[in-house]
N, C-alpha and C. Protein backbone atom coordinates (compact mmCIF):
# COMPACT_ATOMS: atom_id res chain seq x y z
N UNK A 1 0.86 -1.19 0.00
CA UNK A 1 0.00 0.00 0.00
C UNK A 1 0.89 1.23 0.00
N UNK A 2 0.60 2.24 -0.83
CA UNK A 2 1.39 3.46 -0.89
C UNK A 2 1.06 4.34 0.30
N UNK A 3 2.01 5.25 0.63
CA UNK A 3 1.79 6.16 1.75
C UNK A 3 0.57 7.02 1.49
N UNK A 4 0.39 7.44 0.21
CA UNK A 4 -0.73 8.30 -0.13
C UNK A 4 -2.06 7.58 0.09
N UNK A 5 -2.04 6.25 0.07
CA UNK A 5 -3.30 5.51 0.20
C UNK A 5 -3.70 5.23 1.63
N UNK A 6 -2.84 5.56 2.60
CA UNK A 6 -3.16 5.30 4.00
C UNK A 6 -4.04 6.43 4.55
N UNK A 7 -5.13 6.06 5.15
CA UNK A 7 -6.05 7.04 5.72
C UNK A 7 -5.96 7.03 7.25
N UNK A 8 -6.59 8.03 7.87
CA UNK A 8 -6.64 8.07 9.34
C UNK A 8 -7.34 6.84 9.89
N UNK A 9 -8.36 6.38 9.18
CA UNK A 9 -9.07 5.18 9.62
C UNK A 9 -8.15 3.97 9.60
N UNK A 10 -7.27 3.91 8.58
CA UNK A 10 -6.33 2.79 8.50
C UNK A 10 -5.38 2.81 9.71
N UNK A 11 -4.91 4.01 10.04
CA UNK A 11 -3.99 4.14 11.18
C UNK A 11 -4.70 3.77 12.48
N UNK A 12 -5.92 4.30 12.66
CA UNK A 12 -6.68 4.01 13.87
C UNK A 12 -6.96 2.52 14.00
N UNK A 13 -7.29 1.89 12.88
CA UNK A 13 -7.58 0.46 12.88
C UNK A 13 -6.32 -0.34 13.24
N UNK A 14 -5.17 0.09 12.70
CA UNK A 14 -3.91 -0.60 12.98
C UNK A 14 -3.56 -0.51 14.46
N UNK A 15 -3.69 0.70 15.03
CA UNK A 15 -3.34 0.88 16.44
C UNK A 15 -4.30 0.12 17.35
N UNK A 16 -5.59 0.09 16.97
CA UNK A 16 -6.59 -0.62 17.79
C UNK A 16 -6.33 -2.11 17.82
N UNK A 17 -5.77 -2.64 16.72
CA UNK A 17 -5.55 -4.08 16.62
C UNK A 17 -4.10 -4.47 16.85
N UNK A 18 -3.28 -3.47 17.25
CA UNK A 18 -1.88 -3.76 17.53
C UNK A 18 -1.51 -3.15 18.88
N UNK A 19 -2.03 -3.71 19.99
CA UNK A 19 -1.79 -3.12 21.31
C UNK A 19 -0.32 -3.07 21.71
N UNK A 20 0.50 -3.91 21.12
CA UNK A 20 1.91 -3.91 21.47
C UNK A 20 2.70 -2.77 20.86
N UNK A 21 2.08 -2.00 19.94
CA UNK A 21 2.80 -0.92 19.26
C UNK A 21 3.35 0.08 20.27
N UNK A 22 2.48 0.56 21.19
CA UNK A 22 2.93 1.58 22.13
C UNK A 22 3.82 1.00 23.22
N UNK A 23 3.78 -0.32 23.42
CA UNK A 23 4.72 -0.93 24.34
C UNK A 23 6.13 -0.90 23.75
N UNK A 24 6.18 -1.07 22.44
CA UNK A 24 7.48 -1.04 21.76
C UNK A 24 7.95 0.38 21.50
N UNK A 25 7.01 1.34 21.51
CA UNK A 25 7.37 2.74 21.23
C UNK A 25 6.79 3.63 22.33
N UNK A 26 7.11 3.32 23.57
CA UNK A 26 6.55 4.04 24.71
C UNK A 26 6.89 5.52 24.68
N UNK A 27 8.03 5.87 24.04
CA UNK A 27 8.42 7.28 24.01
C UNK A 27 7.42 8.14 23.25
N UNK A 28 6.67 7.52 22.33
CA UNK A 28 5.68 8.29 21.57
C UNK A 28 4.56 8.81 22.47
N UNK A 29 4.15 8.00 23.46
CA UNK A 29 3.08 8.42 24.35
C UNK A 29 3.45 9.68 25.11
N UNK A 30 4.71 9.76 25.53
CA UNK A 30 5.16 10.93 26.29
C UNK A 30 5.24 12.17 25.42
N UNK A 31 5.44 11.98 24.13
CA UNK A 31 5.61 13.14 23.24
C UNK A 31 4.31 13.61 22.60
N UNK A 32 3.23 12.82 22.74
CA UNK A 32 1.96 13.21 22.12
C UNK A 32 1.40 14.44 22.82
N UNK A 33 1.04 15.47 22.06
CA UNK A 33 0.45 16.69 22.58
C UNK A 33 -0.94 16.87 21.97
N UNK A 34 -1.92 17.12 22.84
CA UNK A 34 -3.30 17.31 22.40
C UNK A 34 -3.80 18.66 22.86
N UNK A 35 -4.86 19.15 22.22
CA UNK A 35 -5.46 20.42 22.61
C UNK A 35 -6.47 20.19 23.72
N UNK A 36 -6.35 20.96 24.80
CA UNK A 36 -7.29 20.82 25.91
C UNK A 36 -8.67 21.32 25.48
N UNK A 37 -9.75 20.63 25.86
CA UNK A 37 -11.09 21.10 25.53
C UNK A 37 -11.47 22.35 26.30
N UNK A 38 -10.68 22.71 27.33
CA UNK A 38 -10.98 23.88 28.15
C UNK A 38 -10.11 25.08 27.77
N UNK A 39 -9.51 25.04 26.63
CA UNK A 39 -8.67 26.13 26.17
C UNK A 39 -7.83 25.68 24.99
N UNK A 40 -6.99 26.56 24.50
CA UNK A 40 -6.17 26.24 23.34
C UNK A 40 -4.79 25.72 23.71
N UNK A 41 -4.53 25.58 25.01
CA UNK A 41 -3.21 25.11 25.41
C UNK A 41 -3.04 23.63 25.09
N UNK A 42 -1.81 23.24 24.85
CA UNK A 42 -1.50 21.85 24.55
C UNK A 42 -1.30 21.08 25.86
N UNK A 43 -1.80 19.85 25.89
CA UNK A 43 -1.64 18.99 27.06
C UNK A 43 -1.13 17.64 26.60
N UNK A 44 -0.54 16.93 27.54
CA UNK A 44 -0.05 15.60 27.21
C UNK A 44 -1.21 14.62 27.11
N UNK A 45 -0.94 13.46 26.56
CA UNK A 45 -1.97 12.43 26.44
C UNK A 45 -2.49 12.04 27.82
N UNK A 46 -1.58 11.94 28.79
CA UNK A 46 -2.00 11.57 30.14
C UNK A 46 -2.93 12.62 30.75
N UNK A 47 -2.58 13.91 30.54
CA UNK A 47 -3.44 14.98 31.05
C UNK A 47 -4.81 14.94 30.39
N UNK A 48 -4.82 14.69 29.08
CA UNK A 48 -6.10 14.63 28.35
C UNK A 48 -6.94 13.47 28.88
N UNK A 49 -6.30 12.34 29.16
CA UNK A 49 -7.03 11.20 29.70
C UNK A 49 -7.62 11.53 31.07
N UNK A 50 -6.84 12.27 31.89
CA UNK A 50 -7.34 12.66 33.21
C UNK A 50 -8.53 13.61 33.08
N UNK A 51 -8.47 14.52 32.11
CA UNK A 51 -9.58 15.44 31.89
C UNK A 51 -10.84 14.68 31.48
N UNK A 52 -10.66 13.71 30.59
CA UNK A 52 -11.79 12.90 30.15
C UNK A 52 -12.37 12.10 31.31
N UNK A 53 -11.48 11.59 32.18
CA UNK A 53 -11.94 10.82 33.34
C UNK A 53 -12.72 11.72 34.31
N UNK A 54 -12.22 12.95 34.51
CA UNK A 54 -12.92 13.88 35.40
C UNK A 54 -14.30 14.22 34.84
N UNK A 55 -14.38 14.42 33.52
CA UNK A 55 -15.67 14.72 32.89
C UNK A 55 -16.64 13.55 33.06
N UNK A 56 -16.11 12.35 32.92
CA UNK A 56 -16.96 11.15 33.08
C UNK A 56 -17.46 11.04 34.51
N UNK A 57 -16.57 11.29 35.47
CA UNK A 57 -16.96 11.23 36.89
C UNK A 57 -18.01 12.29 37.19
N UNK A 58 -17.82 13.49 36.62
CA UNK A 58 -18.79 14.56 36.83
C UNK A 58 -20.16 14.17 36.29
N UNK A 59 -20.16 13.53 35.11
CA UNK A 59 -21.42 13.08 34.52
C UNK A 59 -22.10 12.02 35.38
N UNK A 60 -21.30 11.10 35.92
CA UNK A 60 -21.85 10.06 36.79
C UNK A 60 -22.40 10.65 38.09
N UNK A 61 -21.70 11.66 38.63
CA UNK A 61 -22.18 12.32 39.84
C UNK A 61 -23.51 13.01 39.59
N UNK A 62 -23.65 13.64 38.42
CA UNK A 62 -24.90 14.30 38.07
C UNK A 62 -26.04 13.29 37.98
N UNK A 63 -25.77 12.15 37.34
CA UNK A 63 -26.79 11.11 37.23
C UNK A 63 -27.18 10.58 38.60
N UNK A 64 -26.19 10.44 39.49
CA UNK A 64 -26.47 9.95 40.83
C UNK A 64 -27.36 10.92 41.59
N UNK A 65 -27.06 12.21 41.47
CA UNK A 65 -27.89 13.23 42.12
C UNK A 65 -29.31 13.19 41.60
N UNK A 66 -29.46 13.02 40.27
CA UNK A 66 -30.79 12.93 39.67
C UNK A 66 -31.53 11.70 40.18
N UNK A 67 -30.83 10.58 40.29
CA UNK A 67 -31.46 9.36 40.79
C UNK A 67 -31.93 9.54 42.23
N UNK A 68 -31.10 10.19 43.05
CA UNK A 68 -31.47 10.43 44.44
C UNK A 68 -32.68 11.35 44.51
N UNK A 69 -32.67 12.40 43.67
CA UNK A 69 -33.79 13.35 43.67
C UNK A 69 -35.08 12.66 43.28
N UNK A 70 -35.02 11.87 42.18
CA UNK A 70 -36.22 11.15 41.75
C UNK A 70 -36.67 10.15 42.81
N UNK A 71 -35.71 9.52 43.47
CA UNK A 71 -36.06 8.58 44.52
C UNK A 71 -36.78 9.27 45.66
N UNK A 72 -36.29 10.46 46.04
CA UNK A 72 -36.93 11.21 47.11
C UNK A 72 -38.34 11.65 46.71
N UNK A 73 -38.49 12.05 45.44
CA UNK A 73 -39.81 12.45 44.95
C UNK A 73 -40.77 11.27 44.97
N UNK A 74 -40.27 10.10 44.56
CA UNK A 74 -41.12 8.91 44.55
C UNK A 74 -41.55 8.52 45.96
N UNK A 75 -40.63 8.66 46.91
CA UNK A 75 -40.97 8.35 48.31
C UNK A 75 -42.04 9.32 48.81
N UNK A 76 -41.90 10.60 48.45
CA UNK A 76 -42.88 11.60 48.89
C UNK A 76 -44.26 11.30 48.30
N UNK A 77 -44.30 10.93 47.02
CA UNK A 77 -45.57 10.60 46.37
C UNK A 77 -46.19 9.37 47.01
N UNK A 78 -45.37 8.36 47.26
CA UNK A 78 -45.87 7.13 47.88
C UNK A 78 -46.42 7.41 49.27
N UNK A 79 -45.77 8.32 50.00
CA UNK A 79 -46.23 8.67 51.34
C UNK A 79 -47.59 9.37 51.28
N UNK A 80 -47.75 10.26 50.32
CA UNK A 80 -49.04 10.96 50.15
C UNK A 80 -50.14 9.98 49.76
N UNK A 81 -49.80 9.07 48.85
CA UNK A 81 -50.78 8.07 48.43
C UNK A 81 -51.18 7.18 49.60
N UNK A 82 -50.21 6.86 50.45
CA UNK A 82 -50.48 6.03 51.63
C UNK A 82 -51.44 6.75 52.58
N UNK A 83 -51.20 8.04 52.83
CA UNK A 83 -52.06 8.80 53.74
C UNK A 83 -53.47 8.92 53.18
N UNK A 84 -53.57 9.13 51.87
CA UNK A 84 -54.88 9.23 51.22
C UNK A 84 -55.64 7.91 51.34
N UNK A 85 -54.96 6.81 51.05
CA UNK A 85 -55.58 5.48 51.13
C UNK A 85 -56.02 5.18 52.55
N UNK A 86 -55.18 5.51 53.50
CA UNK A 86 -55.50 5.25 54.91
C UNK A 86 -56.75 6.01 55.33
N UNK A 87 -56.87 7.25 54.88
CA UNK A 87 -58.05 8.05 55.23
C UNK A 87 -59.33 7.40 54.70
N UNK A 88 -59.27 6.86 53.49
CA UNK A 88 -60.45 6.20 52.92
C UNK A 88 -60.80 4.94 53.70
N UNK A 89 -59.78 4.19 54.09
CA UNK A 89 -60.02 2.94 54.81
C UNK A 89 -60.60 3.18 56.20
N UNK A 90 -60.26 4.33 56.81
CA UNK A 90 -60.72 4.62 58.16
C UNK A 90 -62.13 5.21 58.21
N UNK A 91 -62.69 5.53 57.05
CA UNK A 91 -64.04 6.10 57.02
C UNK A 91 -65.05 5.06 57.52
N UNK A 92 -65.72 5.37 58.62
CA UNK A 92 -66.67 4.42 59.20
C UNK A 92 -67.96 4.34 58.38
N UNK A 93 -68.40 5.47 57.86
CA UNK A 93 -69.65 5.52 57.09
C UNK A 93 -69.31 5.56 55.60
N UNK A 94 -69.76 4.59 54.81
CA UNK A 94 -69.48 4.59 53.37
C UNK A 94 -69.91 5.88 52.68
N UNK A 95 -70.96 6.51 53.18
CA UNK A 95 -71.46 7.74 52.57
C UNK A 95 -70.47 8.89 52.70
N UNK A 96 -69.53 8.78 53.62
CA UNK A 96 -68.53 9.84 53.81
C UNK A 96 -67.35 9.70 52.85
N UNK A 97 -67.22 8.54 52.22
CA UNK A 97 -66.03 8.27 51.41
C UNK A 97 -65.88 9.23 50.23
N UNK A 98 -66.91 9.50 49.41
CA UNK A 98 -66.71 10.39 48.26
C UNK A 98 -66.17 11.77 48.63
N UNK A 99 -66.78 12.42 49.62
CA UNK A 99 -66.31 13.75 50.01
C UNK A 99 -64.91 13.68 50.61
N UNK A 100 -64.66 12.66 51.42
CA UNK A 100 -63.34 12.49 52.02
C UNK A 100 -62.28 12.25 50.95
N UNK A 101 -62.64 11.44 49.96
CA UNK A 101 -61.74 11.14 48.85
C UNK A 101 -61.31 12.41 48.13
N UNK A 102 -62.27 13.27 47.85
CA UNK A 102 -61.99 14.50 47.11
C UNK A 102 -61.14 15.46 47.94
N UNK A 103 -61.52 15.67 49.20
CA UNK A 103 -60.80 16.62 50.04
C UNK A 103 -59.37 16.17 50.30
N UNK A 104 -59.18 14.89 50.57
CA UNK A 104 -57.84 14.39 50.83
C UNK A 104 -56.96 14.44 49.58
N UNK A 105 -57.54 14.16 48.42
CA UNK A 105 -56.79 14.28 47.17
C UNK A 105 -56.31 15.71 46.97
N UNK A 106 -57.19 16.65 47.17
CA UNK A 106 -56.85 18.06 46.99
C UNK A 106 -55.76 18.48 47.98
N UNK A 107 -55.87 18.02 49.21
CA UNK A 107 -54.90 18.42 50.23
C UNK A 107 -53.55 17.75 50.04
N UNK A 108 -53.56 16.45 49.78
CA UNK A 108 -52.30 15.70 49.69
C UNK A 108 -51.51 16.04 48.43
N UNK A 109 -52.22 16.21 47.31
CA UNK A 109 -51.54 16.38 46.02
C UNK A 109 -51.69 17.78 45.44
N UNK A 110 -52.20 18.71 46.25
CA UNK A 110 -52.34 20.11 45.82
C UNK A 110 -53.11 20.21 44.50
N UNK A 111 -54.23 19.52 44.44
CA UNK A 111 -55.09 19.56 43.25
C UNK A 111 -56.10 20.68 43.44
N UNK A 112 -56.14 21.65 42.53
CA UNK A 112 -57.04 22.80 42.71
C UNK A 112 -58.51 22.43 42.84
N UNK A 113 -58.98 21.53 41.96
CA UNK A 113 -60.39 21.17 42.00
C UNK A 113 -60.54 19.67 41.75
N UNK A 114 -61.53 19.08 42.41
CA UNK A 114 -61.79 17.66 42.23
C UNK A 114 -63.25 17.38 42.56
N UNK A 115 -63.78 16.34 41.94
CA UNK A 115 -65.16 15.93 42.19
C UNK A 115 -65.30 14.46 41.84
N UNK A 116 -66.30 13.81 42.42
CA UNK A 116 -66.55 12.40 42.12
C UNK A 116 -68.05 12.18 42.05
N UNK A 117 -68.43 11.29 41.16
CA UNK A 117 -69.82 10.86 41.06
C UNK A 117 -69.84 9.33 40.98
N UNK A 118 -70.86 8.76 41.61
CA UNK A 118 -71.02 7.30 41.62
C UNK A 118 -72.45 6.97 41.24
N UNK A 119 -72.64 5.99 40.37
CA UNK A 119 -73.98 5.59 39.98
C UNK A 119 -74.20 4.10 40.27
N UNK A 120 -75.46 3.69 40.14
CA UNK A 120 -75.86 2.31 40.48
C UNK A 120 -75.60 2.01 41.95
N UNK A 121 -75.77 3.04 42.80
CA UNK A 121 -75.52 2.85 44.23
C UNK A 121 -76.73 2.16 44.88
N UNK A 122 -76.56 1.73 46.10
CA UNK A 122 -77.65 1.13 46.85
C UNK A 122 -78.73 2.18 47.12
N UNK A 123 -79.99 1.76 47.27
CA UNK A 123 -81.11 2.71 47.42
C UNK A 123 -80.90 3.75 48.52
N UNK A 124 -80.29 3.37 49.61
CA UNK A 124 -80.13 4.32 50.72
C UNK A 124 -79.15 5.46 50.41
N UNK A 125 -78.40 5.32 49.31
CA UNK A 125 -77.46 6.38 48.92
C UNK A 125 -77.89 7.11 47.65
N UNK A 126 -79.03 6.74 47.09
CA UNK A 126 -79.44 7.25 45.78
C UNK A 126 -79.69 8.76 45.78
N UNK A 127 -80.06 9.34 46.92
CA UNK A 127 -80.35 10.77 46.98
C UNK A 127 -79.16 11.61 47.44
N UNK A 128 -78.06 10.98 47.65
CA UNK A 128 -76.86 11.72 48.08
C UNK A 128 -76.32 12.56 46.91
N UNK A 129 -75.66 13.68 47.20
CA UNK A 129 -75.13 14.54 46.13
C UNK A 129 -74.17 13.81 45.19
N UNK A 130 -73.37 12.89 45.71
CA UNK A 130 -72.40 12.19 44.85
C UNK A 130 -73.07 11.23 43.87
N UNK A 131 -74.37 10.96 44.05
CA UNK A 131 -75.09 10.05 43.15
C UNK A 131 -76.02 10.81 42.20
N UNK A 132 -75.92 12.14 42.18
CA UNK A 132 -76.84 12.96 41.39
C UNK A 132 -76.15 13.58 40.17
N UNK A 133 -76.98 13.92 39.18
CA UNK A 133 -76.53 14.75 38.06
C UNK A 133 -75.61 14.10 37.05
N UNK A 134 -75.76 12.81 36.82
CA UNK A 134 -74.92 12.12 35.84
C UNK A 134 -75.80 11.66 34.68
N UNK A 135 -75.52 12.18 33.49
CA UNK A 135 -76.31 11.82 32.32
C UNK A 135 -75.92 10.43 31.82
N UNK A 136 -76.87 9.80 31.13
CA UNK A 136 -76.61 8.46 30.59
C UNK A 136 -75.47 8.48 29.58
N UNK A 137 -75.40 9.55 28.78
CA UNK A 137 -74.30 9.66 27.81
C UNK A 137 -72.95 9.69 28.51
N UNK A 138 -72.91 10.35 29.66
CA UNK A 138 -71.66 10.42 30.42
C UNK A 138 -71.28 9.05 30.95
N UNK A 139 -72.26 8.31 31.44
CA UNK A 139 -71.98 6.96 31.94
C UNK A 139 -71.42 6.08 30.82
N UNK A 140 -72.00 6.20 29.63
CA UNK A 140 -71.52 5.41 28.49
C UNK A 140 -70.10 5.82 28.12
N UNK A 141 -69.86 7.14 28.11
CA UNK A 141 -68.52 7.64 27.77
C UNK A 141 -67.48 7.15 28.77
N UNK A 142 -67.80 7.21 30.05
CA UNK A 142 -66.85 6.79 31.09
C UNK A 142 -66.54 5.31 30.96
N UNK A 143 -67.55 4.50 30.67
CA UNK A 143 -67.32 3.06 30.49
C UNK A 143 -66.40 2.80 29.30
N UNK A 144 -66.45 3.68 28.30
CA UNK A 144 -65.60 3.49 27.11
C UNK A 144 -64.13 3.81 27.37
N UNK A 145 -63.84 4.49 28.47
CA UNK A 145 -62.45 4.84 28.79
C UNK A 145 -61.71 3.61 29.31
N UNK A 146 -60.65 3.23 28.64
CA UNK A 146 -59.85 2.10 29.11
C UNK A 146 -58.71 2.54 30.02
N UNK A 147 -58.49 3.85 30.09
CA UNK A 147 -57.48 4.43 30.97
C UNK A 147 -57.88 5.87 31.25
N UNK A 148 -57.29 6.51 32.23
CA UNK A 148 -57.64 7.90 32.52
C UNK A 148 -57.42 8.81 31.31
N UNK A 149 -58.32 9.76 31.14
CA UNK A 149 -58.16 10.77 30.10
C UNK A 149 -57.46 11.97 30.72
N UNK A 150 -56.43 12.46 30.06
CA UNK A 150 -55.73 13.67 30.47
C UNK A 150 -55.65 14.61 29.27
N UNK A 151 -55.99 15.87 29.46
CA UNK A 151 -55.90 16.80 28.35
C UNK A 151 -56.63 18.09 28.64
N UNK A 152 -56.87 18.84 27.58
CA UNK A 152 -57.52 20.14 27.71
C UNK A 152 -58.99 19.96 28.05
N UNK A 153 -59.56 20.99 28.62
CA UNK A 153 -60.98 20.99 28.92
C UNK A 153 -61.75 21.30 27.64
N UNK A 154 -62.32 20.27 27.06
CA UNK A 154 -63.06 20.43 25.80
C UNK A 154 -64.56 20.49 26.02
N UNK A 155 -64.96 20.92 27.19
CA UNK A 155 -66.38 21.03 27.48
C UNK A 155 -67.04 19.75 27.91
N UNK A 156 -66.28 18.85 28.54
CA UNK A 156 -66.87 17.61 29.04
C UNK A 156 -67.91 17.93 30.11
N UNK A 157 -69.01 17.22 30.06
CA UNK A 157 -70.09 17.44 31.03
C UNK A 157 -69.64 17.29 32.48
N UNK A 158 -68.78 16.31 32.81
CA UNK A 158 -68.34 16.17 34.20
C UNK A 158 -67.59 17.37 34.76
N UNK A 159 -67.08 18.26 33.89
CA UNK A 159 -66.38 19.45 34.39
C UNK A 159 -67.35 20.32 35.20
N UNK A 160 -68.63 20.26 34.86
CA UNK A 160 -69.63 21.06 35.58
C UNK A 160 -69.78 20.62 37.04
N UNK A 161 -69.26 19.46 37.39
CA UNK A 161 -69.32 19.00 38.78
C UNK A 161 -68.34 19.77 39.67
N UNK A 162 -67.35 20.39 39.06
CA UNK A 162 -66.32 21.10 39.83
C UNK A 162 -66.86 22.44 40.33
N UNK A 163 -66.26 22.94 41.41
CA UNK A 163 -66.76 24.16 42.05
C UNK A 163 -66.63 25.39 41.16
N UNK A 164 -65.54 25.48 40.41
CA UNK A 164 -65.30 26.66 39.56
C UNK A 164 -64.90 26.17 38.17
N UNK A 165 -65.85 25.58 37.48
CA UNK A 165 -65.57 24.92 36.20
C UNK A 165 -65.07 25.88 35.13
N UNK A 166 -65.43 27.16 35.22
CA UNK A 166 -65.03 28.12 34.19
C UNK A 166 -63.52 28.35 34.16
N UNK A 167 -62.84 28.07 35.25
CA UNK A 167 -61.39 28.31 35.31
C UNK A 167 -60.56 27.09 34.93
N UNK A 168 -61.22 25.97 34.68
CA UNK A 168 -60.50 24.72 34.41
C UNK A 168 -59.96 24.73 32.98
N UNK A 169 -58.63 24.61 32.85
CA UNK A 169 -57.98 24.57 31.54
C UNK A 169 -57.54 23.16 31.15
N UNK A 170 -57.19 22.36 32.13
CA UNK A 170 -56.81 20.97 31.87
C UNK A 170 -57.44 20.09 32.93
N UNK A 171 -57.64 18.82 32.59
CA UNK A 171 -58.30 17.94 33.54
C UNK A 171 -57.91 16.49 33.33
N UNK A 172 -58.21 15.71 34.35
CA UNK A 172 -58.03 14.26 34.28
C UNK A 172 -59.36 13.62 34.63
N UNK A 173 -59.78 12.67 33.81
CA UNK A 173 -61.01 11.92 34.04
C UNK A 173 -60.62 10.49 34.35
N UNK A 174 -60.92 10.04 35.56
CA UNK A 174 -60.48 8.72 36.02
C UNK A 174 -61.70 7.84 36.24
N UNK A 175 -61.92 6.85 35.37
CA UNK A 175 -63.09 5.97 35.54
C UNK A 175 -62.95 5.08 36.76
N UNK A 176 -64.07 4.82 37.41
CA UNK A 176 -64.09 3.93 38.57
C UNK A 176 -64.85 2.67 38.18
N UNK A 177 -64.22 1.52 38.41
CA UNK A 177 -64.83 0.25 38.02
C UNK A 177 -64.17 -0.88 38.81
N UNK A 178 -64.79 -2.07 38.75
CA UNK A 178 -64.24 -3.23 39.44
C UNK A 178 -63.04 -3.81 38.70
N UNK A 179 -63.01 -3.68 37.38
CA UNK A 179 -61.93 -4.22 36.56
C UNK A 179 -61.99 -3.61 35.18
N UNK A 180 -60.92 -3.78 34.40
CA UNK A 180 -60.86 -3.15 33.08
C UNK A 180 -61.98 -3.60 32.16
N UNK A 181 -62.46 -4.81 32.33
CA UNK A 181 -63.47 -5.36 31.42
C UNK A 181 -64.89 -5.16 31.93
N UNK A 182 -65.05 -4.43 33.04
CA UNK A 182 -66.38 -4.23 33.61
C UNK A 182 -66.86 -2.80 33.39
N UNK A 183 -68.17 -2.58 33.35
CA UNK A 183 -68.70 -1.23 33.17
C UNK A 183 -68.28 -0.31 34.32
N UNK A 184 -68.12 0.95 34.02
CA UNK A 184 -67.77 1.92 35.05
C UNK A 184 -68.98 2.19 35.94
N UNK A 185 -68.72 2.45 37.22
CA UNK A 185 -69.80 2.82 38.13
C UNK A 185 -69.55 4.19 38.76
N UNK A 186 -68.52 4.88 38.28
CA UNK A 186 -68.23 6.20 38.82
C UNK A 186 -67.14 6.90 38.04
N UNK A 187 -66.93 8.17 38.38
CA UNK A 187 -65.89 8.96 37.71
C UNK A 187 -65.30 9.96 38.70
N UNK A 188 -63.98 10.01 38.73
CA UNK A 188 -63.24 10.98 39.52
C UNK A 188 -62.69 12.03 38.56
N UNK A 189 -62.98 13.29 38.84
CA UNK A 189 -62.56 14.39 37.96
C UNK A 189 -61.57 15.28 38.70
N UNK A 190 -60.43 15.54 38.07
CA UNK A 190 -59.42 16.45 38.62
C UNK A 190 -59.26 17.60 37.65
N UNK A 191 -59.34 18.83 38.14
CA UNK A 191 -59.24 19.98 37.27
C UNK A 191 -58.21 20.98 37.74
N UNK A 192 -57.63 21.71 36.77
CA UNK A 192 -56.60 22.70 37.10
C UNK A 192 -56.69 23.90 36.14
N UNK A 193 -56.40 25.11 36.63
CA UNK A 193 -56.33 26.27 35.74
C UNK A 193 -55.06 26.28 34.91
N UNK A 194 -54.12 25.42 35.25
CA UNK A 194 -52.86 25.30 34.51
C UNK A 194 -53.06 24.37 33.32
N UNK A 195 -52.92 24.86 32.09
CA UNK A 195 -53.14 24.01 30.91
C UNK A 195 -52.12 22.90 30.76
N UNK A 196 -51.01 22.97 31.50
CA UNK A 196 -49.97 21.94 31.39
C UNK A 196 -50.02 20.93 32.54
N UNK A 197 -50.96 21.09 33.47
CA UNK A 197 -51.02 20.16 34.62
C UNK A 197 -51.40 18.76 34.16
N UNK A 198 -52.38 18.67 33.27
CA UNK A 198 -52.81 17.37 32.73
C UNK A 198 -52.76 17.46 31.21
N UNK A 199 -51.84 16.71 30.61
CA UNK A 199 -51.66 16.76 29.16
C UNK A 199 -51.83 15.38 28.55
N UNK A 200 -52.13 15.36 27.25
CA UNK A 200 -52.41 14.10 26.56
C UNK A 200 -51.20 13.17 26.53
N UNK A 201 -49.99 13.72 26.62
CA UNK A 201 -48.79 12.89 26.51
C UNK A 201 -48.21 12.50 27.87
N UNK A 202 -48.89 12.82 28.95
CA UNK A 202 -48.36 12.46 30.26
C UNK A 202 -48.66 11.00 30.59
N UNK A 203 -47.84 10.42 31.44
CA UNK A 203 -48.08 9.04 31.86
C UNK A 203 -49.31 8.96 32.76
N UNK A 204 -50.03 7.87 32.66
CA UNK A 204 -51.27 7.72 33.43
C UNK A 204 -51.20 6.60 34.46
N UNK A 205 -50.03 5.99 34.63
CA UNK A 205 -49.93 4.85 35.55
C UNK A 205 -50.32 5.25 36.98
N UNK A 206 -49.83 6.40 37.45
CA UNK A 206 -50.17 6.83 38.80
C UNK A 206 -51.66 7.10 38.93
N UNK A 207 -52.25 7.74 37.93
CA UNK A 207 -53.69 8.02 37.97
C UNK A 207 -54.50 6.73 37.93
N UNK A 208 -53.99 5.73 37.25
CA UNK A 208 -54.67 4.43 37.25
C UNK A 208 -54.67 3.83 38.65
N UNK A 209 -53.56 3.98 39.38
CA UNK A 209 -53.50 3.48 40.75
C UNK A 209 -54.48 4.24 41.64
N UNK A 210 -54.56 5.54 41.43
CA UNK A 210 -55.53 6.35 42.17
C UNK A 210 -56.94 5.86 41.88
N UNK A 211 -57.21 5.57 40.60
CA UNK A 211 -58.52 5.07 40.22
C UNK A 211 -58.85 3.74 40.87
N UNK A 212 -57.88 2.86 40.96
CA UNK A 212 -58.10 1.55 41.58
C UNK A 212 -58.44 1.69 43.06
N UNK A 213 -57.70 2.56 43.74
CA UNK A 213 -57.96 2.78 45.17
C UNK A 213 -59.31 3.45 45.37
N UNK A 214 -59.59 4.46 44.54
CA UNK A 214 -60.88 5.16 44.65
C UNK A 214 -62.03 4.20 44.37
N UNK A 215 -61.86 3.33 43.39
CA UNK A 215 -62.90 2.35 43.06
C UNK A 215 -63.18 1.44 44.24
N UNK A 216 -62.12 0.98 44.89
CA UNK A 216 -62.29 0.12 46.06
C UNK A 216 -62.98 0.86 47.19
N UNK A 217 -62.68 2.16 47.32
CA UNK A 217 -63.28 2.94 48.39
C UNK A 217 -64.77 3.14 48.23
N UNK A 218 -65.21 3.50 47.02
CA UNK A 218 -66.64 3.78 46.81
C UNK A 218 -67.43 2.52 46.50
N UNK A 219 -66.77 1.39 46.31
CA UNK A 219 -67.48 0.13 46.05
C UNK A 219 -68.40 -0.24 47.21
N UNK A 220 -68.12 0.32 48.39
CA UNK A 220 -68.97 0.06 49.55
C UNK A 220 -70.36 0.67 49.39
N UNK A 221 -70.50 1.57 48.43
CA UNK A 221 -71.80 2.21 48.18
C UNK A 221 -72.67 1.40 47.24
N UNK A 222 -72.11 0.39 46.61
CA UNK A 222 -72.81 -0.38 45.59
C UNK A 222 -73.48 -1.61 46.18
N UNK A 223 -74.49 -2.14 45.48
CA UNK A 223 -75.08 -3.41 45.90
C UNK A 223 -74.04 -4.52 45.82
N UNK A 224 -74.17 -5.56 46.62
CA UNK A 224 -73.21 -6.67 46.54
C UNK A 224 -73.16 -7.25 45.14
N UNK A 225 -71.95 -7.58 44.68
CA UNK A 225 -71.82 -8.19 43.36
C UNK A 225 -72.38 -9.61 43.39
N UNK A 226 -73.02 -9.99 42.27
CA UNK A 226 -73.58 -11.34 42.17
C UNK A 226 -72.45 -12.35 42.10
């Protein structure tokens, strides 16, 4: 092969596959000068390697801090969810569960507005506020939801259940049911004046867990399952 035909890739490939080259020519390592990424000064190969190692360590430290921060946030969320669940479980009267559910959600998770409705309840609960004002179309729509809806307020009828519906810019609609394949028997509505609080591209796993716990809580209002 002629000298003119040798490329940088050829040289790099040769050095990568000939580890003994620098053992036989150790003096070359000491004479190699590189440009520092933190300035125009020349540094030795060893100094450049140390700089690269420091940058790598700094990157790993940043990732570790992020992992710790996310871990702390997850612990805080789990603690709030635990307190909310405990409050529902301690409710002696099933009729108190819907209002307690809403108030505790708002307090624990700083949710501006929330409301819940339950249908097909036992006769003794049929006149309660939480069992009123749900249209048949809404019941059908809620049953069609396979997961919580998150997004802009497009004039959904359940938004009217909130105290100040005119200010709601984004919302989450969480169906309440015994299982994914069963009809819904209720709906939990979360509303916010912040249009970015609930968005179509956000994850819904946490809201699904909230829905499962809420469903178990208000199931005490329903007739016994056959």
